[in-house]
Amino acid sequence: GFRNLNHYILRSLIHSGQLQNRINAL
């Protein structure tokens, strides 16, 4: 489902160190 995909993307962003950039972009 979409939730699973979104969760996977969030984990990928965290592991790649891009989560902070995403938050700042909001």
N, C-alpha and C. Protein backbone atom coordinates (compact mmCIF):
# COMPACT_ATOMS: atom_id res chain seq x y z
N GLY A 1 0.81 -1.21 0.00
CA GLY A 1 0.00 0.00 0.00
C GLY A 1 0.84 1.27 0.00
N PHE A 2 0.17 2.40 -0.11
CA PHE A 2 0.87 3.69 -0.16
C PHE A 2 1.62 3.96 1.15
N ARG A 3 1.01 3.58 2.28
CA ARG A 3 1.65 3.80 3.58
C ARG A 3 2.97 3.05 3.67
N ASN A 4 2.98 1.81 3.19
CA ASN A 4 4.20 1.02 3.22
C ASN A 4 5.27 1.66 2.36
N LEU A 5 4.88 2.16 1.19
CA LEU A 5 5.82 2.80 0.28
C LEU A 5 6.39 4.06 0.91
N ASN A 6 5.51 4.87 1.51
CA ASN A 6 5.94 6.11 2.15
C ASN A 6 6.89 5.81 3.31
N HIS A 7 6.58 4.77 4.09
CA HIS A 7 7.43 4.39 5.21
C HIS A 7 8.80 3.97 4.72
N TYR A 8 8.83 3.23 3.62
CA TYR A 8 10.09 2.77 3.04
C TYR A 8 10.92 3.95 2.55
N ILE A 9 10.26 4.93 1.94
CA ILE A 9 10.94 6.13 1.44
C ILE A 9 11.53 6.91 2.62
N LEU A 10 10.76 7.07 3.69
CA LEU A 10 11.24 7.80 4.86
C LEU A 10 12.48 7.13 5.43
N ARG A 11 12.46 5.79 5.54
CA ARG A 11 13.62 5.07 6.06
C ARG A 11 14.81 5.24 5.14
N SER A 12 14.56 5.22 3.84
CA SER A 12 15.64 5.38 2.86
C SER A 12 16.27 6.77 2.99
N LEU A 13 15.42 7.79 3.20
CA LEU A 13 15.92 9.15 3.36
C LEU A 13 16.77 9.27 4.61
N ILE A 14 16.33 8.63 5.69
CA ILE A 14 17.07 8.67 6.95
C ILE A 14 18.44 8.03 6.77
N HIS A 15 18.46 6.86 6.13
CA HIS A 15 19.72 6.14 5.94
C HIS A 15 20.65 6.87 4.99
N SER A 16 20.09 7.63 4.08
CA SER A 16 20.92 8.35 3.11
C SER A 16 21.26 9.75 3.62
N GLY A 17 20.74 10.11 4.81
CA GLY A 17 21.07 11.39 5.41
C GLY A 17 20.37 12.56 4.74
N GLN A 18 19.29 12.30 4.02
CA GLN A 18 18.59 13.36 3.31
C GLN A 18 17.31 13.79 4.02
N LEU A 19 16.98 13.14 5.12
CA LEU A 19 15.73 13.45 5.82
C LEU A 19 15.72 14.91 6.29
N GLN A 20 16.84 15.37 6.84
CA GLN A 20 16.91 16.75 7.33
C GLN A 20 16.68 17.73 6.20
N ASN A 21 17.24 17.44 5.03
CA ASN A 21 17.06 18.32 3.87
C ASN A 21 15.59 18.38 3.47
N ARG A 22 14.91 17.25 3.53
CA ARG A 22 13.49 17.19 3.18
C ARG A 22 12.68 18.05 4.15
N ILE A 23 13.01 17.96 5.43
CA ILE A 23 12.29 18.74 6.45
C ILE A 23 12.50 20.23 6.21
N ASN A 24 13.73 20.62 5.92
CA ASN A 24 14.05 22.02 5.68
C ASN A 24 13.34 22.54 4.43
N ALA A 25 13.10 21.64 3.48
CA ALA A 25 12.48 22.04 2.22
C ALA A 25 10.98 22.31 2.38
N LEU A 26 10.39 21.77 3.45
CA LEU A 26 8.95 21.93 3.62
C LEU A 26 8.57 23.39 3.87
